[in-house]
PDB file of all heavy atoms in Angstrom:
ATOM      1  N   LYS A   1      93.225 116.339 127.253  1.00  0.00           N
ATOM      2  CA  LYS A   1      93.884 115.220 126.584  1.00  0.00           C
ATOM      3  C   LYS A   1      93.677 115.374 125.080  1.00  0.00           C
ATOM      4  O   LYS A   1      92.554 115.579 124.622  1.00  0.00           O
ATOM      5  CB  LYS A   1      93.314 113.893 127.066  1.00  0.00           C
ATOM      6  CG  LYS A   1      93.628 113.631 128.524  1.00  0.00           C
ATOM      7  CD  LYS A   1      93.096 112.306 128.995  1.00  0.00           C
ATOM      8  CE  LYS A   1      93.467 112.097 130.457  1.00  0.00           C
ATOM      9  NZ  LYS A   1      92.946 110.849 130.979  1.00  0.00           N
ATOM     10  N   PHE A   2      94.774 115.279 124.350  1.00  0.00           N
ATOM     11  CA  PHE A   2      94.706 115.390 122.899  1.00  0.00           C
ATOM     12  C   PHE A   2      94.561 114.002 122.281  1.00  0.00           C
ATOM     13  O   PHE A   2      94.859 112.981 122.914  1.00  0.00           O
ATOM     14  CB  PHE A   2      95.968 116.072 122.363  1.00  0.00           C
ATOM     15  CG  PHE A   2      96.002 117.555 122.627  1.00  0.00           C
ATOM     16  CD1 PHE A   2      96.282 118.045 123.889  1.00  0.00           C
ATOM     17  CD2 PHE A   2      95.736 118.458 121.613  1.00  0.00           C
ATOM     18  CE1 PHE A   2      96.319 119.402 124.136  1.00  0.00           C
ATOM     19  CE2 PHE A   2      95.759 119.825 121.850  1.00  0.00           C
ATOM     20  CZ  PHE A   2      96.055 120.297 123.120  1.00  0.00           C
ATOM     21  N   GLN A   3      94.133 113.949 121.047  1.00  0.00           N
ATOM     22  CA  GLN A   3      93.944 112.706 120.329  1.00  0.00           C
ATOM     23  C   GLN A   3      95.279 111.974 120.192  1.00  0.00           C
ATOM     24  O   GLN A   3      96.318 112.588 120.018  1.00  0.00           O
ATOM     25  CB  GLN A   3      93.357 112.993 118.934  1.00  0.00           C
ATOM     26  CG  GLN A   3      91.994 113.658 118.976  1.00  0.00           C
ATOM     27  CD  GLN A   3      92.028 115.176 119.082  1.00  0.00           C
ATOM     28  OE1 GLN A   3      92.955 115.767 119.622  1.00  0.00           O
ATOM     29  NE2 GLN A   3      90.987 115.831 118.589  1.00  0.00           N
ATOM     30  N   SER A   4      95.221 110.649 120.249  1.00  0.00           N
ATOM     31  CA  SER A   4      96.449 109.850 120.175  1.00  0.00           C
ATOM     32  C   SER A   4      96.449 108.898 118.977  1.00  0.00           C
ATOM     33  O   SER A   4      97.206 107.930 118.954  1.00  0.00           O
ATOM     34  CB  SER A   4      96.635 109.064 121.468  1.00  0.00           C
ATOM     35  OG  SER A   4      95.543 108.193 121.662  1.00  0.00           O
ATOM     36  N   CYS A   5      95.603 109.166 118.009  1.00  0.00           N
ATOM     37  CA  CYS A   5      95.565 108.369 116.789  1.00  0.00           C
ATOM     38  C   CYS A   5      95.585 109.318 115.596  1.00  0.00           C
ATOM     39  O   CYS A   5      94.937 110.370 115.615  1.00  0.00           O
ATOM     40  CB  CYS A   5      94.298 107.519 116.737  1.00  0.00           C
ATOM     41  SG  CYS A   5      94.109 106.383 118.139  1.00  0.00           S
ATOM     42  N   TRP A   6      96.317 108.929 114.562  1.00  0.00           N
ATOM     43  CA  TRP A   6      96.511 109.764 113.373  1.00  0.00           C
ATOM     44  C   TRP A   6      96.221 108.940 112.135  1.00  0.00           C
ATOM     45  O   TRP A   6      96.512 107.739 112.106  1.00  0.00           O
ATOM     46  CB  TRP A   6      97.947 110.291 113.381  1.00  0.00           C
ATOM     47  CG  TRP A   6      98.390 111.028 112.165  1.00  0.00           C
ATOM     48  CD1 TRP A   6      97.767 112.073 111.556  1.00  0.00           C
ATOM     49  CD2 TRP A   6      99.583 110.799 111.422  1.00  0.00           C
ATOM     50  NE1 TRP A   6      98.499 112.510 110.476  1.00  0.00           N
ATOM     51  CE2 TRP A   6      99.624 111.736 110.378  1.00  0.00           C
ATOM     52  CE3 TRP A   6     100.624 109.887 111.538  1.00  0.00           C
ATOM     53  CZ2 TRP A   6     100.657 111.783 109.455  1.00  0.00           C
ATOM     54  CZ3 TRP A   6     101.658 109.940 110.622  1.00  0.00           C
ATOM     55  CH2 TRP A   6     101.665 110.886 109.600  1.00  0.00           C
ATOM     56  N   ASP A   7      95.682 109.571 111.090  1.00  0.00           N
ATOM     57  CA  ASP A   7      95.344 108.832 109.865  1.00  0.00           C
ATOM     58  C   ASP A   7      96.564 108.441 109.039  1.00  0.00           C
ATOM     59  O   ASP A   7      96.445 107.744 108.028  1.00  0.00           O
ATOM     60  CB  ASP A   7      94.321 109.597 109.015  1.00  0.00           C
ATOM     61  CG  ASP A   7      94.865 110.867 108.373  1.00  0.00           C
ATOM     62  OD1 ASP A   7      96.080 111.140 108.425  1.00  0.00           O
ATOM     63  OD2 ASP A   7      94.033 111.615 107.797  1.00  0.00           O
ATOM     64  N   GLY A   8      97.757 108.871 109.440  1.00  0.00           N
ATOM     65  CA  GLY A   8      98.982 108.481 108.771  1.00  0.00           C
ATOM     66  C   GLY A   8      99.277 109.229 107.491  1.00  0.00           C
ATOM     67  O   GLY A   8     100.279 108.976 106.833  1.00  0.00           O
ATOM     68  N   GLN A   9      98.409 110.183 107.120  1.00  0.00           N
ATOM     69  CA  GLN A   9      98.579 110.892 105.847  1.00  0.00           C
ATOM     70  C   GLN A   9      98.516 112.401 105.992  1.00  0.00           C
ATOM     71  O   GLN A   9      99.350 113.113 105.465  1.00  0.00           O
ATOM     72  CB  GLN A   9      97.511 110.453 104.849  1.00  0.00           C
ATOM     73  CG  GLN A   9      97.587 109.005 104.481  1.00  0.00           C
ATOM     74  CD  GLN A   9      96.439 108.607 103.568  1.00  0.00           C
ATOM     75  OE1 GLN A   9      95.648 109.437 103.137  1.00  0.00           O
ATOM     76  NE2 GLN A   9      96.351 107.331 103.286  1.00  0.00           N
ATOM     77  N   ASN A  10      97.508 112.899 106.649  1.00  0.00           N
ATOM     78  CA  ASN A  10      97.226 114.336 106.669  1.00  0.00           C
ATOM     79  C   ASN A  10      97.806 115.006 107.905  1.00  0.00           C
ATOM     80  O   ASN A  10      97.664 114.492 109.011  1.00  0.00           O
ATOM     81  CB  ASN A  10      95.713 114.566 106.607  1.00  0.00           C
ATOM     82  CG  ASN A  10      95.121 113.984 105.350  1.00  0.00           C
ATOM     83  OD1 ASN A  10      95.412 114.432 104.255  1.00  0.00           O
ATOM     84  ND2 ASN A  10      94.301 112.941 105.499  1.00  0.00           N
ATOM     85  N   ILE A  11      98.421 116.180 107.700  1.00  0.00           N
ATOM     86  CA  ILE A  11      98.971 116.922 108.837  1.00  0.00           C
ATOM     87  C   ILE A  11      97.950 117.872 109.434  1.00  0.00           C
ATOM     88  O   ILE A  11      98.159 118.419 110.503  1.00  0.00           O
ATOM     89  CB  ILE A  11     100.256 117.677 108.443  1.00  0.00           C
ATOM     90  CG1 ILE A  11      99.986 118.676 107.317  1.00  0.00           C
ATOM     91  CG2 ILE A  11     101.355 116.693 108.078  1.00  0.00           C
ATOM     92  CD1 ILE A  11     101.146 119.604 107.013  1.00  0.00           C
ATOM     93  N   ASP A  12      96.829 118.057 108.759  1.00  0.00           N
ATOM     94  CA  ASP A  12      95.751 118.927 109.244  1.00  0.00           C
ATOM     95  C   ASP A  12      94.491 118.567 108.457  1.00  0.00           C
ATOM     96  O   ASP A  12      94.538 117.817 107.480  1.00  0.00           O
ATOM     97  CB  ASP A  12      96.113 120.404 109.045  1.00  0.00           C
ATOM     98  CG  ASP A  12      95.338 121.344 109.964  1.00  0.00           C
ATOM     99  OD1 ASP A  12      94.461 120.876 110.722  1.00  0.00           O
ATOM    100  OD2 ASP A  12      95.611 122.555 109.929  1.00  0.00           O
ATOM    101  N   SER A  13      93.379 119.090 108.881  1.00  0.00           N
ATOM    102  CA  SER A  13      92.109 118.941 108.168  1.00  0.00           C
ATOM    103  C   SER A  13      91.316 120.220 108.390  1.00  0.00           C
ATOM    104  O   SER A  13      91.670 121.038 109.243  1.00  0.00           O
ATOM    105  CB  SER A  13      91.345 117.713 108.673  1.00  0.00           C
ATOM    106  OG  SER A  13      91.181 117.753 110.080  1.00  0.00           O
ATOM    107  N   ALA A  14      90.260 120.405 107.637  1.00  0.00           N
ATOM    108  CA  ALA A  14      89.502 121.668 107.683  1.00  0.00           C
ATOM    109  C   ALA A  14      89.052 122.016 109.097  1.00  0.00           C
ATOM    110  O   ALA A  14      89.093 123.176 109.502  1.00  0.00           O
ATOM    111  CB  ALA A  14      88.312 121.594 106.734  1.00  0.00           C
ATOM    112  N   ASN A  15      88.635 121.018 109.860  1.00  0.00           N
ATOM    113  CA  ASN A  15      88.174 121.282 111.232  1.00  0.00           C
ATOM    114  C   ASN A  15      89.248 120.963 112.276  1.00  0.00           C
ATOM    115  O   ASN A  15      88.974 120.983 113.466  1.00  0.00           O
ATOM    116  CB  ASN A  15      86.895 120.492 111.520  1.00  0.00           C
ATOM    117  CG  ASN A  15      87.107 118.992 111.487  1.00  0.00           C
ATOM    118  OD1 ASN A  15      88.222 118.496 111.336  1.00  0.00           O
ATOM    119  ND2 ASN A  15      86.024 118.255 111.640  1.00  0.00           N
ATOM    120  N   HIS A  16      90.461 120.638 111.833  1.00  0.00           N
ATOM    121  CA  HIS A  16      91.603 120.305 112.696  1.00  0.00           C
ATOM    122  C   HIS A  16      91.343 119.062 113.541  1.00  0.00           C
ATOM    123  O   HIS A  16      92.027 118.825 114.526  1.00  0.00           O
ATOM    124  CB  HIS A  16      92.004 121.482 113.603  1.00  0.00           C
ATOM    125  CG  HIS A  16      92.103 122.782 112.883  1.00  0.00           C
ATOM    126  ND1 HIS A  16      92.955 122.988 111.817  1.00  0.00           N
ATOM    127  CD2 HIS A  16      91.430 123.948 113.049  1.00  0.00           C
ATOM    128  CE1 HIS A  16      92.816 124.222 111.374  1.00  0.00           C
ATOM    129  NE2 HIS A  16      91.898 124.824 112.095  1.00  0.00           N
ATOM    130  N   ARG A  17      90.353 118.238 113.150  1.00  0.00           N
ATOM    131  CA  ARG A  17      89.994 117.049 113.917  1.00  0.00           C
ATOM    132  C   ARG A  17      89.959 115.765 113.087  1.00  0.00           C
ATOM    133  O   ARG A  17      90.254 114.697 113.595  1.00  0.00           O
ATOM    134  CB  ARG A  17      88.618 117.226 114.559  1.00  0.00           C
ATOM    135  CG  ARG A  17      88.549 118.190 115.695  1.00  0.00           C
ATOM    136  CD  ARG A  17      87.107 118.234 116.241  1.00  0.00           C
ATOM    137  NE  ARG A  17      87.014 118.963 117.471  1.00  0.00           N
ATOM    138  CZ  ARG A  17      87.038 120.272 117.584  1.00  0.00           C
ATOM    139  NH1 ARG A  17      87.180 121.015 116.528  1.00  0.00           N
ATOM    140  NH2 ARG A  17      86.931 120.856 118.750  1.00  0.00           N
ATOM    141  N   ASP A  18      89.526 115.837 111.827  1.00  0.00           N
ATOM    142  CA  ASP A  18      89.253 114.627 111.061  1.00  0.00           C
ATOM    143  C   ASP A  18      90.485 113.761 110.793  1.00  0.00           C
ATOM    144  O   ASP A  18      90.354 112.567 110.547  1.00  0.00           O
ATOM    145  CB  ASP A  18      88.585 114.975 109.729  1.00  0.00           C
ATOM    146  CG  ASP A  18      87.154 115.464 109.914  1.00  0.00           C
ATOM    147  OD1 ASP A  18      86.567 115.227 110.997  1.00  0.00           O
ATOM    148  OD2 ASP A  18      86.619 116.085 108.974  1.00  0.00           O
ATOM    149  N   HIS A  19      91.676 114.331 110.842  1.00  0.00           N
ATOM    150  CA  HIS A  19      92.902 113.569 110.585  1.00  0.00           C
ATOM    151  C   HIS A  19      93.453 112.887 111.836  1.00  0.00           C
ATOM    152  O   HIS A  19      94.427 112.143 111.767  1.00  0.00           O
ATOM    153  CB  HIS A  19      93.967 114.488 109.971  1.00  0.00           C
ATOM    154  CG  HIS A  19      94.398 115.586 110.881  1.00  0.00           C
ATOM    155  ND1 HIS A  19      93.540 116.565 111.320  1.00  0.00           N
ATOM    156  CD2 HIS A  19      95.598 115.849 111.464  1.00  0.00           C
ATOM    157  CE1 HIS A  19      94.193 117.398 112.122  1.00  0.00           C
ATOM    158  NE2 HIS A  19      95.442 116.977 112.222  1.00  0.00           N
ATOM    159  N   VAL A  20      92.827 113.141 112.980  1.00  0.00           N
ATOM    160  CA  VAL A  20      93.216 112.525 114.246  1.00  0.00           C
ATOM    161  C   VAL A  20      91.972 111.986 114.945  1.00  0.00           C
ATOM    162  O   VAL A  20      90.857 112.377 114.630  1.00  0.00           O
ATOM    163  CB  VAL A  20      93.962 113.524 115.176  1.00  0.00           C
ATOM    164  CG1 VAL A  20      95.343 113.852 114.630  1.00  0.00           C
ATOM    165  CG2 VAL A  20      93.159 114.797 115.380  1.00  0.00           C
ATOM    166  N   ALA A  21      92.181 111.078 115.884  1.00  0.00           N
ATOM    167  CA  ALA A  21      91.048 110.493 116.605  1.00  0.00           C
ATOM    168  C   ALA A  21      91.516 110.072 117.992  1.00  0.00           C
ATOM    169  O   ALA A  21      92.716 109.938 118.252  1.00  0.00           O
ATOM    170  CB  ALA A  21      90.511 109.277 115.844  1.00  0.00           C
ATOM    171  N   PHE A  22      90.555 109.855 118.861  1.00  0.00           N
ATOM    172  CA  PHE A  22      90.854 109.331 120.188  1.00  0.00           C
ATOM    173  C   PHE A  22      90.857 107.805 120.127  1.00  0.00           C
ATOM    174  O   PHE A  22      90.040 107.196 119.434  1.00  0.00           O
ATOM    175  CB  PHE A  22      89.807 109.791 121.210  1.00  0.00           C
ATOM    176  CG  PHE A  22      89.932 111.236 121.578  1.00  0.00           C
ATOM    177  CD1 PHE A  22      89.113 112.191 120.993  1.00  0.00           C
ATOM    178  CD2 PHE A  22      90.879 111.648 122.509  1.00  0.00           C
ATOM    179  CE1 PHE A  22      89.237 113.534 121.323  1.00  0.00           C
ATOM    180  CE2 PHE A  22      91.009 112.993 122.852  1.00  0.00           C
ATOM    181  CZ  PHE A  22      90.182 113.923 122.247  1.00  0.00           C
ATOM    182  N   ALA A  23      91.765 107.208 120.861  1.00  0.00           N
ATOM    183  CA  ALA A  23      91.779 105.753 121.008  1.00  0.00           C
ATOM    184  C   ALA A  23      90.585 105.349 121.872  1.00  0.00           C
ATOM    185  O   ALA A  23      90.077 106.149 122.670  1.00  0.00           O
ATOM    186  CB  ALA A  23      93.085 105.307 121.657  1.00  0.00           C
ATOM    187  N   ALA A  24      90.154 104.121 121.732  1.00  0.00           N
ATOM    188  CA  ALA A  24      89.062 103.605 122.564  1.00  0.00           C
ATOM    189  C   ALA A  24      89.482 103.687 124.031  1.00  0.00           C
ATOM    190  O   ALA A  24      90.584 103.247 124.380  1.00  0.00           O
ATOM    191  CB  ALA A  24      88.741 102.171 122.181  1.00  0.00           C
ATOM    192  N   PRO A  25      88.648 104.277 124.892  1.00  0.00           N
ATOM    193  CA  PRO A  25      89.043 104.492 126.298  1.00  0.00           C
ATOM    194  C   PRO A  25      89.432 103.222 127.047  1.00  0.00           C
ATOM    195  O   PRO A  25      90.370 103.228 127.830  1.00  0.00           O
ATOM    196  CB  PRO A  25      87.805 105.133 126.933  1.00  0.00           C
ATOM    197  CG  PRO A  25      86.984 105.636 125.804  1.00  0.00           C
ATOM    198  CD  PRO A  25      87.319 104.800 124.613  1.00  0.00           C
ATOM    199  N   LYS A  26      88.735 102.130 126.814  1.00  0.00           N
ATOM    200  CA  LYS A  26      89.004 100.911 127.591  1.00  0.00           C
ATOM    201  C   LYS A  26      90.150 100.084 127.026  1.00  0.00           C
ATOM    202  O   LYS A  26      90.862  99.424 127.769  1.00  0.00           O
ATOM    203  CB  LYS A  26      87.745 100.062 127.687  1.00  0.00           C
ATOM    204  CG  LYS A  26      86.672 100.711 128.539  1.00  0.00           C
ATOM    205  CD  LYS A  26      85.461  99.839 128.712  1.00  0.00           C
ATOM    206  CE  LYS A  26      84.440 100.562 129.577  1.00  0.00           C
ATOM    207  NZ  LYS A  26      83.222  99.816 129.745  1.00  0.00           N
ATOM    208  N   THR A  27      90.337 100.115 125.696  1.00  0.00           N
ATOM    209  CA  THR A  27      91.347  99.242 125.088  1.00  0.00           C
ATOM    210  C   THR A  27      92.577  99.989 124.593  1.00  0.00           C
ATOM    211  O   THR A  27      93.619  99.381 124.391  1.00  0.00           O
ATOM    212  CB  THR A  27      90.750  98.483 123.894  1.00  0.00           C
ATOM    213  OG1 THR A  27      90.384  99.418 122.874  1.00  0.00           O
ATOM    214  CG2 THR A  27      89.546  97.652 124.321  1.00  0.00           C
ATOM    215  N   GLY A  28      92.461 101.292 124.344  1.00  0.00           N
ATOM    216  CA  GLY A  28      93.566 102.058 123.795  1.00  0.00           C
ATOM    217  C   GLY A  28      93.793 101.817 122.310  1.00  0.00           C
ATOM    218  O   GLY A  28      94.796 102.247 121.757  1.00  0.00           O
ATOM    219  N   VAL A  29      92.849 101.135 121.658  1.00  0.00           N
ATOM    220  CA  VAL A  29      92.974 100.809 120.242  1.00  0.00           C
ATOM    221  C   VAL A  29      92.471 101.974 119.392  1.00  0.00           C
ATOM    222  O   VAL A  29      91.429 102.562 119.679  1.00  0.00           O
ATOM    223  CB  VAL A  29      92.181  99.524 119.911  1.00  0.00           C
ATOM    224  CG1 VAL A  29      92.186  99.234 118.415  1.00  0.00           C
ATOM    225  CG2 VAL A  29      92.752  98.346 120.685  1.00  0.00           C
ATOM    226  N   CYS A  30      93.240 102.284 118.332  1.00  0.00           N
ATOM    227  CA  CYS A  30      92.845 103.352 117.408  1.00  0.00           C
ATOM    228  C   CYS A  30      91.760 102.845 116.466  1.00  0.00           C
ATOM    229  O   CYS A  30      91.695 101.652 116.162  1.00  0.00           O
ATOM    230  CB  CYS A  30      94.047 103.812 116.588  1.00  0.00           C
ATOM    231  SG  CYS A  30      95.266 104.733 117.550  1.00  0.00           S
ATOM    232  N   PRO A  31      90.909 103.752 115.965  1.00  0.00           N
ATOM    233  CA  PRO A  31      89.903 103.353 114.978  1.00  0.00           C
ATOM    234  C   PRO A  31      90.571 102.828 113.698  1.00  0.00           C
ATOM    235  O   PRO A  31      91.743 103.126 113.439  1.00  0.00           O
ATOM    236  CB  PRO A  31      89.139 104.645 114.679  1.00  0.00           C
ATOM    237  CG  PRO A  31      89.502 105.594 115.765  1.00  0.00           C
ATOM    238  CD  PRO A  31      90.820 105.160 116.305  1.00  0.00           C
ATOM    239  N   ASN A  32      89.827 102.076 112.903  1.00  0.00           N
ATOM    240  CA  ASN A  32      90.351 101.567 111.634  1.00  0.00           C
ATOM    241  C   ASN A  32      90.875 102.712 110.785  1.00  0.00           C
ATOM    242  O   ASN A  32      90.237 103.759 110.688  1.00  0.00           O
ATOM    243  CB  ASN A  32      89.265 100.820 110.859  1.00  0.00           C
ATOM    244  CG  ASN A  32      89.013  99.442 111.431  1.00  0.00           C
ATOM    245  OD1 ASN A  32      89.844  98.896 112.155  1.00  0.00           O
ATOM    246  ND2 ASN A  32      87.865  98.871 111.113  1.00  0.00           N
ATOM    247  N   GLY A  33      92.031 102.513 110.186  1.00  0.00           N
ATOM    248  CA  GLY A  33      92.641 103.529 109.335  1.00  0.00           C
ATOM    249  C   GLY A  33      93.501 104.523 110.095  1.00  0.00           C
ATOM    250  O   GLY A  33      94.063 105.436 109.492  1.00  0.00           O
ATOM    251  N   PHE A  34      93.608 104.373 111.402  1.00  0.00           N
ATOM    252  CA  PHE A  34      94.411 105.286 112.226  1.00  0.00           C
ATOM    253  C   PHE A  34      95.509 104.497 112.928  1.00  0.00           C
ATOM    254  O   PHE A  34      95.349 103.316 113.217  1.00  0.00           O
ATOM    255  CB  PHE A  34      93.535 105.983 113.267  1.00  0.00           C
ATOM    256  CG  PHE A  34      92.627 107.033 112.691  1.00  0.00           C
ATOM    257  CD1 PHE A  34      91.427 106.687 112.085  1.00  0.00           C
ATOM    258  CD2 PHE A  34      92.980 108.370 112.747  1.00  0.00           C
ATOM    259  CE1 PHE A  34      90.598 107.656 111.548  1.00  0.00           C
ATOM    260  CE2 PHE A  34      92.156 109.354 112.216  1.00  0.00           C
ATOM    261  CZ  PHE A  34      90.961 108.989 111.610  1.00  0.00           C
ATOM    262  N   GLN A  35      96.612 105.165 113.214  1.00  0.00           N
ATOM    263  CA  GLN A  35      97.725 104.564 113.943  1.00  0.00           C
ATOM    264  C   GLN A  35      98.020 105.388 115.186  1.00  0.00           C
ATOM    265  O   GLN A  35      97.734 106.582 115.228  1.00  0.00           O
ATOM    266  CB  GLN A  35      98.963 104.506 113.050  1.00  0.00           C
ATOM    267  CG  GLN A  35      99.479 105.886 112.660  1.00  0.00           C
ATOM    268  CD  GLN A  35     100.599 105.816 111.644  1.00  0.00           C
ATOM    269  OE1 GLN A  35     100.616 104.958 110.791  1.00  0.00           O
ATOM    270  NE2 GLN A  35     101.554 106.729 111.761  1.00  0.00           N
TER     271      GLN A  35
END
């Protein structure tokens, strides 16, 4: 499963992870600053 939240700005990051995040497993809500 790939990350389903994006910072809305960056298409990549040095580690290919910091610009995306996983939604909370129980709620599906993205972390602050992510859509």
